[in-house]
Amino acid sequence: MIAVILTAAVALLHLCFMYLEMIAWTRPLGRRVFGTTAEFAGASKALAANQGLYNGFLVAGLLWGLYLGPDGFAIRAFFLGCVVVAGLFGAATVSRRILYVQALPAVAALIALLAGW
């Protein structure tokens, strides 16, 4: 049950990331969260939306795995692993904060899943 809750939390986080990148990127909330200027946000809107779409795919995969219950174990493990890799890459190339916001929650969910919690 802990793995289900943590996986759902990771999916919810990525739904929020998707919203911020696809919808709120050029708005005050998006610019504040990502620390961008209006000019940069406008110029990078398409790239951010593309990144948001990829976060949406992570949400879809995690929810698919949750929907399948015990039969979705491999799907959840795969998509949580993808989130961990994305978080590590983001932490290495963009901001260390991504390690804590994206990678660590997914690591916790993956550990809980593998431990059968």
N, C-alpha and C. Protein backbone atom coordinates (compact mmCIF):
# COMPACT_ATOMS: atom_id res chain seq x y z
N MET A 1 0.82 -1.20 0.00
CA MET A 1 0.00 0.00 0.00
C MET A 1 0.86 1.26 0.00
N ILE A 2 2.01 1.23 0.68
CA ILE A 2 2.91 2.39 0.69
C ILE A 2 3.40 2.68 -0.72
N ALA A 3 3.73 1.61 -1.47
CA ALA A 3 4.20 1.79 -2.84
C ALA A 3 3.13 2.43 -3.71
N VAL A 4 1.88 2.05 -3.50
CA VAL A 4 0.78 2.64 -4.28
C VAL A 4 0.66 4.13 -3.98
N ILE A 5 0.71 4.48 -2.71
CA ILE A 5 0.59 5.89 -2.32
C ILE A 5 1.76 6.71 -2.87
N LEU A 6 2.97 6.18 -2.74
CA LEU A 6 4.14 6.91 -3.23
C LEU A 6 4.13 7.03 -4.76
N THR A 7 3.71 5.97 -5.44
CA THR A 7 3.63 6.02 -6.90
C THR A 7 2.58 7.04 -7.34
N ALA A 8 1.45 7.06 -6.65
CA ALA A 8 0.41 8.05 -6.96
C ALA A 8 0.93 9.46 -6.72
N ALA A 9 1.72 9.64 -5.67
CA ALA A 9 2.29 10.96 -5.38
C ALA A 9 3.26 11.38 -6.49
N VAL A 10 4.07 10.45 -6.98
CA VAL A 10 4.99 10.76 -8.08
C VAL A 10 4.18 11.13 -9.33
N ALA A 11 3.11 10.40 -9.59
CA ALA A 11 2.26 10.72 -10.74
C ALA A 11 1.66 12.12 -10.58
N LEU A 12 1.20 12.45 -9.39
CA LEU A 12 0.63 13.77 -9.14
C LEU A 12 1.67 14.87 -9.32
N LEU A 13 2.87 14.64 -8.84
CA LEU A 13 3.96 15.61 -9.06
C LEU A 13 4.17 15.87 -10.55
N HIS A 14 4.17 14.80 -11.33
CA HIS A 14 4.41 14.96 -12.76
C HIS A 14 3.22 15.59 -13.48
N LEU A 15 2.04 15.39 -12.95
CA LEU A 15 0.89 16.10 -13.49
C LEU A 15 1.06 17.60 -13.24
N CYS A 16 1.55 17.95 -12.07
CA CYS A 16 1.84 19.37 -11.77
C CYS A 16 2.94 19.91 -12.67
N PHE A 17 4.00 19.13 -12.89
CA PHE A 17 5.07 19.56 -13.79
C PHE A 17 4.51 19.79 -15.19
N MET A 18 3.65 18.87 -15.63
CA MET A 18 3.04 19.00 -16.95
C MET A 18 2.26 20.31 -17.05
N TYR A 19 1.46 20.60 -16.04
CA TYR A 19 0.69 21.84 -16.03
C TYR A 19 1.61 23.06 -16.08
N LEU A 20 2.63 23.04 -15.24
CA LEU A 20 3.55 24.19 -15.19
C LEU A 20 4.26 24.40 -16.52
N GLU A 21 4.64 23.32 -17.18
CA GLU A 21 5.41 23.44 -18.42
C GLU A 21 4.53 23.67 -19.64
N MET A 22 3.33 23.11 -19.66
CA MET A 22 2.48 23.24 -20.85
C MET A 22 1.53 24.42 -20.79
N ILE A 23 1.10 24.80 -19.59
CA ILE A 23 0.06 25.83 -19.47
C ILE A 23 0.58 27.08 -18.77
N ALA A 24 1.29 26.90 -17.67
CA ALA A 24 1.68 28.05 -16.84
C ALA A 24 3.07 28.59 -17.15
N TRP A 25 3.75 28.05 -18.13
CA TRP A 25 5.14 28.43 -18.40
C TRP A 25 5.35 29.93 -18.54
N THR A 26 4.47 30.60 -19.27
CA THR A 26 4.64 32.04 -19.51
C THR A 26 3.87 32.89 -18.50
N ARG A 27 3.14 32.27 -17.62
CA ARG A 27 2.38 33.00 -16.61
C ARG A 27 3.25 33.27 -15.38
N PRO A 28 2.81 34.18 -14.52
CA PRO A 28 3.62 34.50 -13.33
C PRO A 28 3.98 33.27 -12.48
N LEU A 29 3.04 32.35 -12.30
CA LEU A 29 3.32 31.15 -11.49
C LEU A 29 4.46 30.35 -12.11
N GLY A 30 4.35 30.07 -13.39
CA GLY A 30 5.39 29.29 -14.06
C GLY A 30 6.74 29.97 -14.04
N ARG A 31 6.73 31.27 -14.30
CA ARG A 31 8.00 32.02 -14.30
C ARG A 31 8.62 32.05 -12.90
N ARG A 32 7.77 32.14 -11.87
CA ARG A 32 8.28 32.15 -10.49
C ARG A 32 8.87 30.78 -10.12
N VAL A 33 8.14 29.72 -10.45
CA VAL A 33 8.61 28.37 -10.10
C VAL A 33 9.94 28.05 -10.78
N PHE A 34 10.06 28.43 -12.05
CA PHE A 34 11.26 28.08 -12.80
C PHE A 34 12.29 29.20 -12.84
N GLY A 35 11.96 30.35 -12.25
CA GLY A 35 12.92 31.45 -12.18
C GLY A 35 13.28 32.03 -13.53
N THR A 36 12.30 32.18 -14.40
CA THR A 36 12.56 32.70 -15.74
C THR A 36 11.98 34.10 -15.91
N THR A 37 12.48 34.79 -16.91
CA THR A 37 11.93 36.09 -17.27
C THR A 37 10.80 35.89 -18.27
N ALA A 38 10.00 36.93 -18.45
CA ALA A 38 8.93 36.85 -19.44
C ALA A 38 9.49 36.61 -20.83
N GLU A 39 10.62 37.24 -21.13
CA GLU A 39 11.24 37.09 -22.44
C GLU A 39 11.70 35.65 -22.68
N PHE A 40 12.40 35.10 -21.69
CA PHE A 40 12.88 33.73 -21.83
C PHE A 40 11.71 32.76 -21.93
N ALA A 41 10.70 32.95 -21.08
CA ALA A 41 9.54 32.06 -21.09
C ALA A 41 8.85 32.10 -22.44
N GLY A 42 8.70 33.28 -23.01
CA GLY A 42 8.07 33.38 -24.32
C GLY A 42 8.88 32.69 -25.40
N ALA A 43 10.20 32.88 -25.35
CA ALA A 43 11.07 32.29 -26.37
C ALA A 43 11.19 30.77 -26.25
N SER A 44 10.99 30.24 -25.06
CA SER A 44 11.18 28.80 -24.84
C SER A 44 9.86 28.06 -24.61
N LYS A 45 8.75 28.71 -24.91
CA LYS A 45 7.43 28.13 -24.64
C LYS A 45 7.23 26.77 -25.32
N ALA A 46 7.62 26.66 -26.58
CA ALA A 46 7.43 25.40 -27.30
C ALA A 46 8.28 24.28 -26.70
N LEU A 47 9.51 24.59 -26.32
CA LEU A 47 10.37 23.58 -25.70
C LEU A 47 9.80 23.12 -24.36
N ALA A 48 9.30 24.07 -23.58
CA ALA A 48 8.71 23.73 -22.28
C ALA A 48 7.47 22.87 -22.46
N ALA A 49 6.64 23.20 -23.45
CA ALA A 49 5.43 22.41 -23.70
C ALA A 49 5.80 20.99 -24.10
N ASN A 50 6.85 20.85 -24.90
CA ASN A 50 7.31 19.52 -25.29
C ASN A 50 7.76 18.73 -24.08
N GLN A 51 8.50 19.37 -23.20
CA GLN A 51 8.95 18.73 -21.96
C GLN A 51 7.75 18.35 -21.09
N GLY A 52 6.75 19.23 -21.05
CA GLY A 52 5.54 18.94 -20.29
C GLY A 52 4.81 17.72 -20.83
N LEU A 53 4.80 17.59 -22.15
CA LEU A 53 4.15 16.43 -22.76
C LEU A 53 4.83 15.13 -22.30
N TYR A 54 6.16 15.15 -22.25
CA TYR A 54 6.88 13.97 -21.78
C TYR A 54 6.54 13.65 -20.33
N ASN A 55 6.36 14.67 -19.52
CA ASN A 55 5.92 14.43 -18.14
C ASN A 55 4.53 13.81 -18.13
N GLY A 56 3.69 14.22 -19.08
CA GLY A 56 2.37 13.61 -19.21
C GLY A 56 2.45 12.12 -19.53
N PHE A 57 3.43 11.74 -20.36
CA PHE A 57 3.61 10.32 -20.65
C PHE A 57 4.01 9.55 -19.39
N LEU A 58 4.83 10.16 -18.55
CA LEU A 58 5.20 9.51 -17.29
C LEU A 58 3.97 9.34 -16.40
N VAL A 59 3.12 10.36 -16.35
CA VAL A 59 1.87 10.26 -15.58
C VAL A 59 1.02 9.11 -16.11
N ALA A 60 0.85 9.05 -17.43
CA ALA A 60 0.03 8.01 -18.03
C ALA A 60 0.57 6.62 -17.70
N GLY A 61 1.88 6.45 -17.79
CA GLY A 61 2.47 5.15 -17.49
C GLY A 61 2.31 4.76 -16.04
N LEU A 62 2.53 5.70 -15.14
CA LEU A 62 2.38 5.41 -13.71
C LEU A 62 0.93 5.07 -13.37
N LEU A 63 -0.01 5.83 -13.93
CA LEU A 63 -1.43 5.55 -13.67
C LEU A 63 -1.85 4.21 -14.28
N TRP A 64 -1.32 3.88 -15.43
CA TRP A 64 -1.59 2.59 -16.06
C TRP A 64 -1.12 1.46 -15.14
N GLY A 65 0.08 1.59 -14.63
CA GLY A 65 0.60 0.58 -13.71
C GLY A 65 -0.23 0.47 -12.44
N LEU A 66 -0.67 1.60 -11.91
CA LEU A 66 -1.54 1.57 -10.72
C LEU A 66 -2.88 0.93 -11.03
N TYR A 67 -3.44 1.25 -12.18
CA TYR A 67 -4.74 0.71 -12.59
C TYR A 67 -4.70 -0.83 -12.65
N LEU A 68 -3.58 -1.36 -13.11
CA LEU A 68 -3.47 -2.81 -13.27
C LEU A 68 -3.24 -3.54 -11.94
N GLY A 69 -3.03 -2.79 -10.88
CA GLY A 69 -2.82 -3.41 -9.57
C GLY A 69 -1.56 -4.25 -9.56
N PRO A 70 -1.61 -5.44 -8.94
CA PRO A 70 -0.41 -6.28 -8.88
C PRO A 70 0.16 -6.64 -10.26
N ASP A 71 -0.71 -6.74 -11.25
CA ASP A 71 -0.24 -7.05 -12.61
C ASP A 71 0.54 -5.89 -13.24
N GLY A 72 0.46 -4.71 -12.64
CA GLY A 72 1.17 -3.55 -13.16
C GLY A 72 2.53 -3.32 -12.53
N PHE A 73 3.04 -4.31 -11.81
CA PHE A 73 4.33 -4.18 -11.12
C PHE A 73 5.44 -3.75 -12.07
N ALA A 74 5.61 -4.47 -13.17
CA ALA A 74 6.70 -4.18 -14.11
C ALA A 74 6.53 -2.81 -14.75
N ILE A 75 5.30 -2.45 -15.04
CA ILE A 75 5.03 -1.14 -15.66
C ILE A 75 5.38 -0.03 -14.68
N ARG A 76 4.95 -0.18 -13.44
CA ARG A 76 5.29 0.83 -12.43
C ARG A 76 6.80 0.92 -12.22
N ALA A 77 7.47 -0.22 -12.15
CA ALA A 77 8.92 -0.22 -11.96
C ALA A 77 9.60 0.48 -13.13
N PHE A 78 9.16 0.20 -14.35
CA PHE A 78 9.76 0.83 -15.53
C PHE A 78 9.59 2.34 -15.49
N PHE A 79 8.36 2.80 -15.29
CA PHE A 79 8.12 4.24 -15.33
C PHE A 79 8.75 4.96 -14.13
N LEU A 80 8.77 4.34 -12.97
CA LEU A 80 9.48 4.95 -11.84
C LEU A 80 10.97 5.04 -12.14
N GLY A 81 11.51 4.02 -12.78
CA GLY A 81 12.91 4.06 -13.20
C GLY A 81 13.17 5.19 -14.19
N CYS A 82 12.24 5.39 -15.12
CA CYS A 82 12.36 6.51 -16.06
C CYS A 82 12.38 7.85 -15.33
N VAL A 83 11.53 7.98 -14.33
CA VAL A 83 11.49 9.23 -13.55
C VAL A 83 12.81 9.43 -12.82
N VAL A 84 13.36 8.37 -12.25
CA VAL A 84 14.64 8.49 -11.55
C VAL A 84 15.73 8.96 -12.51
N VAL A 85 15.80 8.34 -13.68
CA VAL A 85 16.82 8.73 -14.67
C VAL A 85 16.62 10.18 -15.10
N ALA A 86 15.37 10.56 -15.38
CA ALA A 86 15.09 11.94 -15.78
C ALA A 86 15.49 12.91 -14.67
N GLY A 87 15.20 12.55 -13.43
CA GLY A 87 15.56 13.41 -12.30
C GLY A 87 17.06 13.54 -12.12
N LEU A 88 17.78 12.44 -12.29
CA LEU A 88 19.25 12.49 -12.17
C LEU A 88 19.85 13.33 -13.29
N PHE A 89 19.33 13.16 -14.49
CA PHE A 89 19.83 13.95 -15.62
C PHE A 89 19.53 15.43 -15.42
N GLY A 90 18.31 15.73 -14.98
CA GLY A 90 17.94 17.12 -14.71
C GLY A 90 18.79 17.73 -13.61
N ALA A 91 19.08 16.96 -12.58
CA ALA A 91 19.91 17.46 -11.49
C ALA A 91 21.33 17.73 -11.96
N ALA A 92 21.82 16.90 -12.87
CA ALA A 92 23.19 17.07 -13.37
C ALA A 92 23.31 18.20 -14.38
N THR A 93 22.23 18.48 -15.12
CA THR A 93 22.33 19.45 -16.22
C THR A 93 21.61 20.76 -15.99
N VAL A 94 20.63 20.78 -15.08
CA VAL A 94 19.82 22.00 -14.91
C VAL A 94 19.93 22.55 -13.49
N SER A 95 19.47 21.77 -12.51
CA SER A 95 19.43 22.25 -11.13
C SER A 95 19.45 21.08 -10.16
N ARG A 96 20.24 21.19 -9.12
CA ARG A 96 20.29 20.14 -8.11
C ARG A 96 18.93 19.94 -7.44
N ARG A 97 18.10 20.97 -7.44
CA ARG A 97 16.77 20.90 -6.85
C ARG A 97 15.94 19.77 -7.47
N ILE A 98 16.18 19.48 -8.75
CA ILE A 98 15.44 18.43 -9.44
C ILE A 98 15.69 17.07 -8.79
N LEU A 99 16.87 16.89 -8.23
CA LEU A 99 17.18 15.65 -7.53
C LEU A 99 16.18 15.40 -6.40
N TYR A 100 15.87 16.45 -5.65
CA TYR A 100 14.98 16.33 -4.49
C TYR A 100 13.51 16.31 -4.87
N VAL A 101 13.16 17.06 -5.90
CA VAL A 101 11.75 17.20 -6.28
C VAL A 101 11.28 16.05 -7.17
N GLN A 102 12.16 15.54 -8.01
CA GLN A 102 11.76 14.51 -8.97
C GLN A 102 12.37 13.14 -8.67
N ALA A 103 13.68 13.08 -8.55
CA ALA A 103 14.34 11.77 -8.44
C ALA A 103 14.08 11.08 -7.10
N LEU A 104 14.25 11.79 -5.99
CA LEU A 104 14.11 11.13 -4.69
C LEU A 104 12.71 10.58 -4.41
N PRO A 105 11.63 11.31 -4.75
CA PRO A 105 10.31 10.69 -4.55
C PRO A 105 10.14 9.40 -5.37
N ALA A 106 10.69 9.40 -6.59
CA ALA A 106 10.59 8.19 -7.42
C ALA A 106 11.44 7.06 -6.85
N VAL A 107 12.62 7.38 -6.32
CA VAL A 107 13.45 6.36 -5.68
C VAL A 107 12.71 5.76 -4.49
N ALA A 108 12.07 6.59 -3.68
CA ALA A 108 11.31 6.09 -2.53
C ALA A 108 10.18 5.17 -2.99
N ALA A 109 9.46 5.58 -4.03
CA ALA A 109 8.36 4.75 -4.55
C ALA A 109 8.90 3.44 -5.12
N LEU A 110 10.02 3.50 -5.82
CA LEU A 110 10.61 2.29 -6.40
C LEU A 110 11.09 1.33 -5.31
N ILE A 111 11.72 1.86 -4.28
CA ILE A 111 12.15 1.02 -3.16
C ILE A 111 10.94 0.36 -2.50
N ALA A 112 9.89 1.13 -2.27
CA ALA A 112 8.67 0.58 -1.66
C ALA A 112 8.06 -0.50 -2.54
N LEU A 113 8.06 -0.26 -3.85
CA LEU A 113 7.50 -1.24 -4.78
C LEU A 113 8.32 -2.54 -4.74
N LEU A 114 9.64 -2.41 -4.85
CA LEU A 114 10.50 -3.59 -4.87
C LEU A 114 10.49 -4.34 -3.53
N ALA A 115 10.27 -3.61 -2.44
CA ALA A 115 10.20 -4.24 -1.11
C ALA A 115 8.84 -4.87 -0.82
N GLY A 116 7.88 -4.59 -1.68
CA GLY A 116 6.55 -5.14 -1.48
C GLY A 116 5.74 -4.44 -0.42
N TRP A 117 6.08 -3.18 -0.16
CA TRP A 117 5.37 -2.42 0.87
C TRP A 117 4.07 -1.91 0.34
